[in-house]
Amino acid sequence: MVDKTFTFAVDGDLMTAFNDAAKAQDTTGDELLRQFMHDFVIEREADPGYDAWFRQQVEEGIAQADAGNVISSEEVERHFAERREQTLRKIGEMR
């Protein structure tokens, strides 16, 4: 396989931050981009229907939100506060 050069424009601050983050992981930005591209292609080949399914889920969610079928943040917080309490009770009973 012959290597090709992939050139694109990116914000200078983002490029600097990306290269710094890569260096902190003991790699290069180039290597991270190659790995991302490889993983992206493999993921799409493994499940070609996933993208269509995901897009449909997003469209359904947007339609639900547009129709007003949403749960308030207060209701979500209340629900999970109850679940946390139940979990903590169960942990207390196990001791």
PDB file of N, CA and C in Angstrom:
ATOM      1  N   MET A   1       0.838  -1.170   0.000  1.00  0.00           N
ATOM      2  CA  MET A   1       0.000   0.000   0.000  1.00  0.00           C
ATOM      3  C   MET A   1       0.890   1.242   0.000  1.00  0.00           C
ATOM      4  N   VAL A   2       0.525   2.211  -0.825  1.00  0.00           N
ATOM      5  CA  VAL A   2       1.284   3.445  -0.935  1.00  0.00           C
ATOM      6  C   VAL A   2       0.687   4.471   0.020  1.00  0.00           C
ATOM      7  N   ASP A   3       1.534   5.092   0.826  1.00  0.00           N
ATOM      8  CA  ASP A   3       1.055   6.131   1.740  1.00  0.00           C
ATOM      9  C   ASP A   3       0.644   7.365   0.960  1.00  0.00           C
ATOM     10  N   LYS A   4      -0.425   8.000   1.394  1.00  0.00           N
ATOM     11  CA  LYS A   4      -0.917   9.240   0.805  1.00  0.00           C
ATOM     12  C   LYS A   4      -0.917  10.304   1.888  1.00  0.00           C
ATOM     13  N   THR A   5      -0.858  11.547   1.480  1.00  0.00           N
ATOM     14  CA  THR A   5      -0.896  12.659   2.417  1.00  0.00           C
ATOM     15  C   THR A   5      -2.316  13.203   2.463  1.00  0.00           C
ATOM     16  N   PHE A   6      -2.815  13.410   3.675  1.00  0.00           N
ATOM     17  CA  PHE A   6      -4.148  13.935   3.906  1.00  0.00           C
ATOM     18  C   PHE A   6      -3.962  15.330   4.486  1.00  0.00           C
ATOM     19  N   THR A   7      -4.414  16.355   3.772  1.00  0.00           N
ATOM     20  CA  THR A   7      -4.220  17.730   4.215  1.00  0.00           C
ATOM     21  C   THR A   7      -5.576  18.393   4.438  1.00  0.00           C
ATOM     22  N   PHE A   8      -5.720  19.063   5.574  1.00  0.00           N
ATOM     23  CA  PHE A   8      -6.948  19.812   5.836  1.00  0.00           C
ATOM     24  C   PHE A   8      -6.641  20.958   6.783  1.00  0.00           C
ATOM     25  N   ALA A   9      -7.513  21.942   6.787  1.00  0.00           N
ATOM     26  CA  ALA A   9      -7.325  23.122   7.633  1.00  0.00           C
ATOM     27  C   ALA A   9      -7.956  22.871   8.995  1.00  0.00           C
ATOM     28  N   VAL A  10      -7.297  23.374  10.023  1.00  0.00           N
ATOM     29  CA  VAL A  10      -7.813  23.247  11.384  1.00  0.00           C
ATOM     30  C   VAL A  10      -7.386  24.490  12.165  1.00  0.00           C
ATOM     31  N   ASP A  11      -8.211  24.886  13.104  1.00  0.00           N
ATOM     32  CA  ASP A  11      -7.897  26.028  13.951  1.00  0.00           C
ATOM     33  C   ASP A  11      -6.548  25.814  14.639  1.00  0.00           C
ATOM     34  N   GLY A  12      -5.720  26.840  14.644  1.00  0.00           N
ATOM     35  CA  GLY A  12      -4.372  26.728  15.206  1.00  0.00           C
ATOM     36  C   GLY A  12      -4.362  26.338  16.672  1.00  0.00           C
ATOM     37  N   ASP A  13      -5.278  26.916  17.463  1.00  0.00           N
ATOM     38  CA  ASP A  13      -5.334  26.584  18.884  1.00  0.00           C
ATOM     39  C   ASP A  13      -5.727  25.118  19.091  1.00  0.00           C
ATOM     40  N   LEU A  14      -6.684  24.657  18.270  1.00  0.00           N
ATOM     41  CA  LEU A  14      -7.100  23.253  18.375  1.00  0.00           C
ATOM     42  C   LEU A  14      -5.943  22.336  18.008  1.00  0.00           C
ATOM     43  N   MET A  15      -5.208  22.672  16.964  1.00  0.00           N
ATOM     44  CA  MET A  15      -4.078  21.841  16.547  1.00  0.00           C
ATOM     45  C   MET A  15      -3.011  21.776  17.636  1.00  0.00           C
ATOM     46  N   THR A  16      -2.716  22.905  18.233  1.00  0.00           N
ATOM     47  CA  THR A  16      -1.727  22.932  19.307  1.00  0.00           C
ATOM     48  C   THR A  16      -2.193  22.094  20.488  1.00  0.00           C
ATOM     49  N   ALA A  17      -3.442  22.272  20.890  1.00  0.00           N
ATOM     50  CA  ALA A  17      -3.982  21.509  22.024  1.00  0.00           C
ATOM     51  C   ALA A  17      -3.985  20.015  21.711  1.00  0.00           C
ATOM     52  N   PHE A  18      -4.348  19.657  20.483  1.00  0.00           N
ATOM     53  CA  PHE A  18      -4.377  18.250  20.078  1.00  0.00           C
ATOM     54  C   PHE A  18      -2.974  17.646  20.121  1.00  0.00           C
ATOM     55  N   ASN A  19      -2.011  18.350  19.564  1.00  0.00           N
ATOM     56  CA  ASN A  19      -0.640  17.840  19.567  1.00  0.00           C
ATOM     57  C   ASN A  19      -0.085  17.738  20.988  1.00  0.00           C
ATOM     58  N   ASP A  20      -0.417  18.710  21.844  1.00  0.00           N
ATOM     59  CA  ASP A  20       0.017  18.637  23.242  1.00  0.00           C
ATOM     60  C   ASP A  20      -0.616  17.437  23.950  1.00  0.00           C
ATOM     61  N   ALA A  21      -1.905  17.213  23.701  1.00  0.00           N
ATOM     62  CA  ALA A  21      -2.595  16.072  24.324  1.00  0.00           C
ATOM     63  C   ALA A  21      -2.001  14.758  23.822  1.00  0.00           C
ATOM     64  N   ALA A  22      -1.678  14.686  22.551  1.00  0.00           N
ATOM     65  CA  ALA A  22      -1.060  13.478  21.993  1.00  0.00           C
ATOM     66  C   ALA A  22       0.291  13.230  22.642  1.00  0.00           C
ATOM     67  N   LYS A  23       1.092  14.291  22.767  1.00  0.00           N
ATOM     68  CA  LYS A  23       2.412  14.163  23.383  1.00  0.00           C
ATOM     69  C   LYS A  23       2.283  13.659  24.819  1.00  0.00           C
ATOM     70  N   ALA A  24       1.254  14.135  25.527  1.00  0.00           N
ATOM     71  CA  ALA A  24       1.025  13.690  26.906  1.00  0.00           C
ATOM     72  C   ALA A  24       0.696  12.202  26.961  1.00  0.00           C
ATOM     73  N   GLN A  25       0.185  11.664  25.859  1.00  0.00           N
ATOM     74  CA  GLN A  25      -0.123  10.229  25.765  1.00  0.00           C
ATOM     75  C   GLN A  25       1.030   9.460  25.123  1.00  0.00           C
ATOM     76  N   ASP A  26       2.166  10.125  24.964  1.00  0.00           N
ATOM     77  CA  ASP A  26       3.366   9.515  24.395  1.00  0.00           C
ATOM     78  C   ASP A  26       3.138   9.022  22.972  1.00  0.00           C
ATOM     79  N   THR A  27       2.443   9.849  22.189  1.00  0.00           N
ATOM     80  CA  THR A  27       2.219   9.529  20.784  1.00  0.00           C
ATOM     81  C   THR A  27       2.208  10.837  20.011  1.00  0.00           C
ATOM     82  N   THR A  28       1.879  10.773  18.742  1.00  0.00           N
ATOM     83  CA  THR A  28       1.814  11.982  17.927  1.00  0.00           C
ATOM     84  C   THR A  28       0.381  12.209  17.457  1.00  0.00           C
ATOM     85  N   GLY A  29       0.096  13.436  17.084  1.00  0.00           N
ATOM     86  CA  GLY A  29      -1.211  13.743  16.520  1.00  0.00           C
ATOM     87  C   GLY A  29      -1.452  12.945  15.251  1.00  0.00           C
ATOM     88  N   ASP A  30      -0.411  12.803  14.444  1.00  0.00           N
ATOM     89  CA  ASP A  30      -0.534  12.014  13.209  1.00  0.00           C
ATOM     90  C   ASP A  30      -0.969  10.585  13.509  1.00  0.00           C
ATOM     91  N   GLU A  31      -0.330   9.980  14.510  1.00  0.00           N
ATOM     92  CA  GLU A  31      -0.651   8.596  14.844  1.00  0.00           C
ATOM     93  C   GLU A  31      -2.084   8.480  15.381  1.00  0.00           C
ATOM     94  N   LEU A  32      -2.498   9.430  16.187  1.00  0.00           N
ATOM     95  CA  LEU A  32      -3.871   9.408  16.704  1.00  0.00           C
ATOM     96  C   LEU A  32      -4.882   9.540  15.577  1.00  0.00           C
ATOM     97  N   LEU A  33      -4.618  10.407  14.619  1.00  0.00           N
ATOM     98  CA  LEU A  33      -5.533  10.563  13.487  1.00  0.00           C
ATOM     99  C   LEU A  33      -5.577   9.296  12.634  1.00  0.00           C
ATOM    100  N   ARG A  34      -4.416   8.674  12.404  1.00  0.00           N
ATOM    101  CA  ARG A  34      -4.402   7.411  11.662  1.00  0.00           C
ATOM    102  C   ARG A  34      -5.210   6.344  12.396  1.00  0.00           C
ATOM    103  N   GLN A  35      -5.039   6.266  13.727  1.00  0.00           N
ATOM    104  CA  GLN A  35      -5.770   5.272  14.514  1.00  0.00           C
ATOM    105  C   GLN A  35      -7.273   5.542  14.485  1.00  0.00           C
ATOM    106  N   PHE A  36      -7.641   6.826  14.599  1.00  0.00           N
ATOM    107  CA  PHE A  36      -9.058   7.176  14.518  1.00  0.00           C
ATOM    108  C   PHE A  36      -9.639   6.762  13.173  1.00  0.00           C
ATOM    109  N   MET A  37      -8.939   7.071  12.085  1.00  0.00           N
ATOM    110  CA  MET A  37      -9.439   6.721  10.759  1.00  0.00           C
ATOM    111  C   MET A  37      -9.588   5.206  10.622  1.00  0.00           C
ATOM    112  N   HIS A  38      -8.607   4.476  11.105  1.00  0.00           N
ATOM    113  CA  HIS A  38      -8.666   3.013  11.047  1.00  0.00           C
ATOM    114  C   HIS A  38      -9.868   2.492  11.835  1.00  0.00           C
ATOM    115  N   ASP A  39     -10.017   2.953  13.076  1.00  0.00           N
ATOM    116  CA  ASP A  39     -11.122   2.500  13.924  1.00  0.00           C
ATOM    117  C   ASP A  39     -12.474   2.866  13.317  1.00  0.00           C
ATOM    118  N   PHE A  40     -12.564   4.056  12.733  1.00  0.00           N
ATOM    119  CA  PHE A  40     -13.805   4.516  12.121  1.00  0.00           C
ATOM    120  C   PHE A  40     -14.216   3.606  10.975  1.00  0.00           C
ATOM    121  N   VAL A  41     -13.261   3.268  10.114  1.00  0.00           N
ATOM    122  CA  VAL A  41     -13.549   2.396   8.976  1.00  0.00           C
ATOM    123  C   VAL A  41     -13.944   1.001   9.458  1.00  0.00           C
ATOM    124  N   ILE A  42     -13.213   0.458  10.411  1.00  0.00           N
ATOM    125  CA  ILE A  42     -13.512  -0.878  10.941  1.00  0.00           C
ATOM    126  C   ILE A  42     -14.902  -0.900  11.565  1.00  0.00           C
ATOM    127  N   GLU A  43     -15.234   0.136  12.319  1.00  0.00           N
ATOM    128  CA  GLU A  43     -16.553   0.200  12.972  1.00  0.00           C
ATOM    129  C   GLU A  43     -17.666   0.209  11.935  1.00  0.00           C
ATOM    130  N   ARG A  44     -17.491   0.974  10.870  1.00  0.00           N
ATOM    131  CA  ARG A  44     -18.521   1.049   9.829  1.00  0.00           C
ATOM    132  C   ARG A  44     -18.638  -0.283   9.079  1.00  0.00           C
ATOM    133  N   GLU A  45     -17.527  -0.942   8.873  1.00  0.00           N
ATOM    134  CA  GLU A  45     -17.569  -2.233   8.179  1.00  0.00           C
ATOM    135  C   GLU A  45     -18.221  -3.288   9.049  1.00  0.00           C
ATOM    136  N   ALA A  46     -18.019  -3.199  10.366  1.00  0.00           N
ATOM    137  CA  ALA A  46     -18.553  -4.200  11.283  1.00  0.00           C
ATOM    138  C   ALA A  46     -20.070  -4.124  11.369  1.00  0.00           C
ATOM    139  N   ASP A  47     -20.637  -2.920  11.278  1.00  0.00           N
ATOM    140  CA  ASP A  47     -22.083  -2.764  11.417  1.00  0.00           C
ATOM    141  C   ASP A  47     -22.559  -1.624  10.524  1.00  0.00           C
ATOM    142  N   PRO A  48     -22.714  -1.899   9.239  1.00  0.00           N
ATOM    143  CA  PRO A  48     -23.097  -0.833   8.316  1.00  0.00           C
ATOM    144  C   PRO A  48     -24.475  -0.245   8.604  1.00  0.00           C
ATOM    145  N   GLY A  49     -25.331  -0.968   9.292  1.00  0.00           N
ATOM    146  CA  GLY A  49     -26.663  -0.465   9.600  1.00  0.00           C
ATOM    147  C   GLY A  49     -26.702   0.454  10.807  1.00  0.00           C
ATOM    148  N   TYR A  50     -25.627   0.484  11.563  1.00  0.00           N
ATOM    149  CA  TYR A  50     -25.626   1.288  12.794  1.00  0.00           C
ATOM    150  C   TYR A  50     -25.850   2.766  12.514  1.00  0.00           C
ATOM    151  N   ASP A  51     -25.178   3.310  11.519  1.00  0.00           N
ATOM    152  CA  ASP A  51     -25.302   4.733  11.228  1.00  0.00           C
ATOM    153  C   ASP A  51     -26.743   5.087  10.895  1.00  0.00           C
ATOM    154  N   ALA A  52     -27.388   4.286  10.066  1.00  0.00           N
ATOM    155  CA  ALA A  52     -28.787   4.547   9.708  1.00  0.00           C
ATOM    156  C   ALA A  52     -29.679   4.453  10.942  1.00  0.00           C
ATOM    157  N   TRP A  53     -29.443   3.436  11.781  1.00  0.00           N
ATOM    158  CA  TRP A  53     -30.227   3.290  13.007  1.00  0.00           C
ATOM    159  C   TRP A  53     -30.016   4.494  13.925  1.00  0.00           C
ATOM    160  N   PHE A  54     -28.771   4.914  14.098  1.00  0.00           N
ATOM    161  CA  PHE A  54     -28.470   6.030  14.982  1.00  0.00           C
ATOM    162  C   PHE A  54     -29.133   7.310  14.477  1.00  0.00           C
ATOM    163  N   ARG A  55     -29.048   7.561  13.190  1.00  0.00           N
ATOM    164  CA  ARG A  55     -29.668   8.755  12.624  1.00  0.00           C
ATOM    165  C   ARG A  55     -31.185   8.728  12.833  1.00  0.00           C
ATOM    166  N   GLN A  56     -31.789   7.550  12.687  1.00  0.00           N
ATOM    167  CA  GLN A  56     -33.228   7.432  12.904  1.00  0.00           C
ATOM    168  C   GLN A  56     -33.572   7.726  14.365  1.00  0.00           C
ATOM    169  N   GLN A  57     -32.761   7.232  15.284  1.00  0.00           N
ATOM    170  CA  GLN A  57     -32.996   7.491  16.701  1.00  0.00           C
ATOM    171  C   GLN A  57     -32.913   8.986  17.004  1.00  0.00           C
ATOM    172  N   VAL A  58     -31.933   9.654  16.415  1.00  0.00           N
ATOM    173  CA  VAL A  58     -31.785  11.100  16.625  1.00  0.00           C
ATOM    174  C   VAL A  58     -32.993  11.840  16.062  1.00  0.00           C
ATOM    175  N   GLU A  59     -33.413  11.474  14.862  1.00  0.00           N
ATOM    176  CA  GLU A  59     -34.579  12.120  14.254  1.00  0.00           C
ATOM    177  C   GLU A  59     -35.834  11.909  15.096  1.00  0.00           C
ATOM    178  N   GLU A  60     -36.015  10.699  15.626  1.00  0.00           N
ATOM    179  CA  GLU A  60     -37.174  10.434  16.489  1.00  0.00           C
ATOM    180  C   GLU A  60     -37.107  11.257  17.762  1.00  0.00           C
ATOM    181  N   GLY A  61     -35.910  11.380  18.335  1.00  0.00           N
ATOM    182  CA  GLY A  61     -35.751  12.178  19.544  1.00  0.00           C
ATOM    183  C   GLY A  61     -36.053  13.644  19.301  1.00  0.00           C
ATOM    184  N   ILE A  62     -35.599  14.169  18.172  1.00  0.00           N
ATOM    185  CA  ILE A  62     -35.879  15.567  17.832  1.00  0.00           C
ATOM    186  C   ILE A  62     -37.373  15.764  17.623  1.00  0.00           C
ATOM    187  N   ALA A  63     -38.013  14.822  16.947  1.00  0.00           N
ATOM    188  CA  ALA A  63     -39.461  14.922  16.721  1.00  0.00           C
ATOM    189  C   ALA A  63     -40.214  14.889  18.054  1.00  0.00           C
ATOM    190  N   GLN A  64     -39.785  14.026  18.983  1.00  0.00           N
ATOM    191  CA  GLN A  64     -40.420  13.958  20.295  1.00  0.00           C
ATOM    192  C   GLN A  64     -40.252  15.278  21.044  1.00  0.00           C
ATOM    193  N   ALA A  65     -39.067  15.842  20.999  1.00  0.00           N
ATOM    194  CA  ALA A  65     -38.813  17.114  21.676  1.00  0.00           C
ATOM    195  C   ALA A  65     -39.635  18.231  21.043  1.00  0.00           C
ATOM    196  N   ASP A  66     -39.690  18.248  19.710  1.00  0.00           N
ATOM    197  CA  ASP A  66     -40.477  19.269  19.020  1.00  0.00           C
ATOM    198  C   ASP A  66     -41.959  19.165  19.373  1.00  0.00           C
ATOM    199  N   ALA A  67     -42.426  17.931  19.630  1.00  0.00           N
ATOM    200  CA  ALA A  67     -43.833  17.715  19.991  1.00  0.00           C
ATOM    201  C   ALA A  67     -44.086  17.985  21.475  1.00  0.00           C
ATOM    202  N   GLY A  68     -43.028  18.301  22.227  1.00  0.00           N
ATOM    203  CA  GLY A  68     -43.194  18.596  23.644  1.00  0.00           C
ATOM    204  C   GLY A  68     -43.159  17.372  24.533  1.00  0.00           C
ATOM    205  N   ASN A  69     -42.817  16.229  23.979  1.00  0.00           N
ATOM    206  CA  ASN A  69     -42.749  14.981  24.757  1.00  0.00           C
ATOM    207  C   ASN A  69     -41.367  14.856  25.386  1.00  0.00           C
ATOM    208  N   VAL A  70     -41.154  15.617  26.439  1.00  0.00           N
ATOM    209  CA  VAL A  70     -39.869  15.617  27.118  1.00  0.00           C
ATOM    210  C   VAL A  70     -40.084  15.449  28.616  1.00  0.00           C
ATOM    211  N   ILE A  71     -39.048  15.077  29.297  1.00  0.00           N
ATOM    212  CA  ILE A  71     -39.079  14.949  30.753  1.00  0.00           C
ATOM    213  C   ILE A  71     -38.258  16.102  31.310  1.00  0.00           C
ATOM    214  N   SER A  72     -38.820  16.795  32.273  1.00  0.00           N
ATOM    215  CA  SER A  72     -38.109  17.940  32.836  1.00  0.00           C
ATOM    216  C   SER A  72     -36.873  17.469  33.594  1.00  0.00           C
ATOM    217  N   SER A  73     -35.914  18.363  33.696  1.00  0.00           N
ATOM    218  CA  SER A  73     -34.702  18.021  34.437  1.00  0.00           C
ATOM    219  C   SER A  73     -35.026  17.758  35.905  1.00  0.00           C
ATOM    220  N   GLU A  74     -36.031  18.471  36.433  1.00  0.00           N
ATOM    221  CA  GLU A  74     -36.434  18.255  37.825  1.00  0.00           C
ATOM    222  C   GLU A  74     -36.953  16.841  38.033  1.00  0.00           C
ATOM    223  N   GLU A  75     -37.743  16.354  37.063  1.00  0.00           N
ATOM    224  CA  GLU A  75     -38.289  14.997  37.164  1.00  0.00           C
ATOM    225  C   GLU A  75     -37.173  13.952  37.074  1.00  0.00           C
ATOM    226  N   VAL A  76     -36.219  14.184  36.200  1.00  0.00           N
ATOM    227  CA  VAL A  76     -35.087  13.266  36.070  1.00  0.00           C
ATOM    228  C   VAL A  76     -34.289  13.248  37.367  1.00  0.00           C
ATOM    229  N   GLU A  77     -34.008  14.436  37.921  1.00  0.00           N
ATOM    230  CA  GLU A  77     -33.263  14.515  39.184  1.00  0.00           C
ATOM    231  C   GLU A  77     -34.010  13.795  40.301  1.00  0.00           C
ATOM    232  N   ARG A  78     -35.303  13.983  40.376  1.00  0.00           N
ATOM    233  CA  ARG A  78     -36.124  13.325  41.407  1.00  0.00           C
ATOM    234  C   ARG A  78     -36.057  11.795  41.256  1.00  0.00           C
ATOM    235  N   HIS A  79     -36.196  11.330  40.024  1.00  0.00           N
ATOM    236  CA  HIS A  79     -36.159   9.888  39.761  1.00  0.00           C
ATOM    237  C   HIS A  79     -34.832   9.276  40.212  1.00  0.00           C
ATOM    238  N   PHE A  80     -33.729   9.926  39.842  1.00  0.00           N
ATOM    239  CA  PHE A  80     -32.438   9.338  40.178  1.00  0.00           C
ATOM    240  C   PHE A  80     -32.065   9.547  41.641  1.00  0.00           C
ATOM    241  N   ALA A  81     -32.628  10.564  42.270  1.00  0.00           N
ATOM    242  CA  ALA A  81     -32.431  10.724  43.713  1.00  0.00           C
ATOM    243  C   ALA A  81     -33.082   9.545  44.439  1.00  0.00           C
ATOM    244  N   GLU A  82     -34.268   9.152  43.989  1.00  0.00           N
ATOM    245  CA  GLU A  82     -34.937   7.984  44.568  1.00  0.00           C
ATOM    246  C   GLU A  82     -34.118   6.715  44.340  1.00  0.00           C
ATOM    247  N   ARG A  83     -33.573   6.557  43.159  1.00  0.00           N
ATOM    248  CA  ARG A  83     -32.760   5.374  42.875  1.00  0.00           C
ATOM    249  C   ARG A  83     -31.501   5.349  43.732  1.00  0.00           C
ATOM    250  N   ARG A  84     -30.876   6.513  43.921  1.00  0.00           N
ATOM    251  CA  ARG A  84     -29.698   6.575  44.783  1.00  0.00           C
ATOM    252  C   ARG A  84     -30.055   6.168  46.205  1.00  0.00           C
ATOM    253  N   GLU A  85     -31.194   6.668  46.702  1.00  0.00           N
ATOM    254  CA  GLU A  85     -31.634   6.312  48.055  1.00  0.00           C
ATOM    255  C   GLU A  85     -31.853   4.805  48.181  1.00  0.00           C
ATOM    256  N   GLN A  86     -32.503   4.202  47.200  1.00  0.00           N
ATOM    257  CA  GLN A  86     -32.731   2.755  47.214  1.00  0.00           C
ATOM    258  C   GLN A  86     -31.410   1.991  47.232  1.00  0.00           C
ATOM    259  N   THR A  87     -30.483   2.430  46.419  1.00  0.00           N
ATOM    260  CA  THR A  87     -29.175   1.765  46.361  1.00  0.00           C
ATOM    261  C   THR A  87     -28.457   1.879  47.690  1.00  0.00           C
ATOM    262  N   LEU A  88     -28.467   3.077  48.267  1.00  0.00           N
ATOM    263  CA  LEU A  88     -27.799   3.265  49.556  1.00  0.00           C
ATOM    264  C   LEU A  88     -28.459   2.431  50.653  1.00  0.00           C
ATOM    265  N   ARG A  89     -29.778   2.301  50.620  1.00  0.00           N
ATOM    266  CA  ARG A  89     -30.478   1.440  51.590  1.00  0.00           C
ATOM    267  C   ARG A  89     -30.028  -0.010  51.437  1.00  0.00           C
ATOM    268  N   LYS A  90     -29.952  -0.475  50.185  1.00  0.00           N
ATOM    269  CA  LYS A  90     -29.537  -1.853  49.943  1.00  0.00           C
ATOM    270  C   LYS A  90     -28.113  -2.080  50.427  1.00  0.00           C
ATOM    271  N   ILE A  91     -27.245  -1.105  50.181  1.00  0.00           N
ATOM    272  CA  ILE A  91     -25.871  -1.236  50.656  1.00  0.00           C
ATOM    273  C   ILE A  91     -25.845  -1.282  52.182  1.00  0.00           C
ATOM    274  N   GLY A  92     -26.640  -0.444  52.814  1.00  0.00           N
ATOM    275  CA  GLY A  92     -26.717  -0.436  54.276  1.00  0.00           C
ATOM    276  C   GLY A  92     -27.220  -1.746  54.823  1.00  0.00           C
ATOM    277  N   GLU A  93     -28.170  -2.376  54.153  1.00  0.00           N
ATOM    278  CA  GLU A  93     -28.711  -3.669  54.585  1.00  0.00           C
ATOM    279  C   GLU A  93     -27.685  -4.773  54.442  1.00  0.00           C
ATOM    280  N   MET A  94     -26.768  -4.642  53.524  1.00  0.00           N
ATOM    281  CA  MET A  94     -25.756  -5.673  53.277  1.00  0.00           C
ATOM    282  C   MET A  94     -24.657  -5.649  54.325  1.00  0.00           C
ATOM    283  N   ARG A  95     -24.533  -4.554  55.045  1.00  0.00           N
ATOM    284  CA  ARG A  95     -23.441  -4.426  56.009  1.00  0.00           C
ATOM    285  C   ARG A  95     -23.752  -5.122  57.275  1.00  0.00           C
TER     286      ARG A  95
END
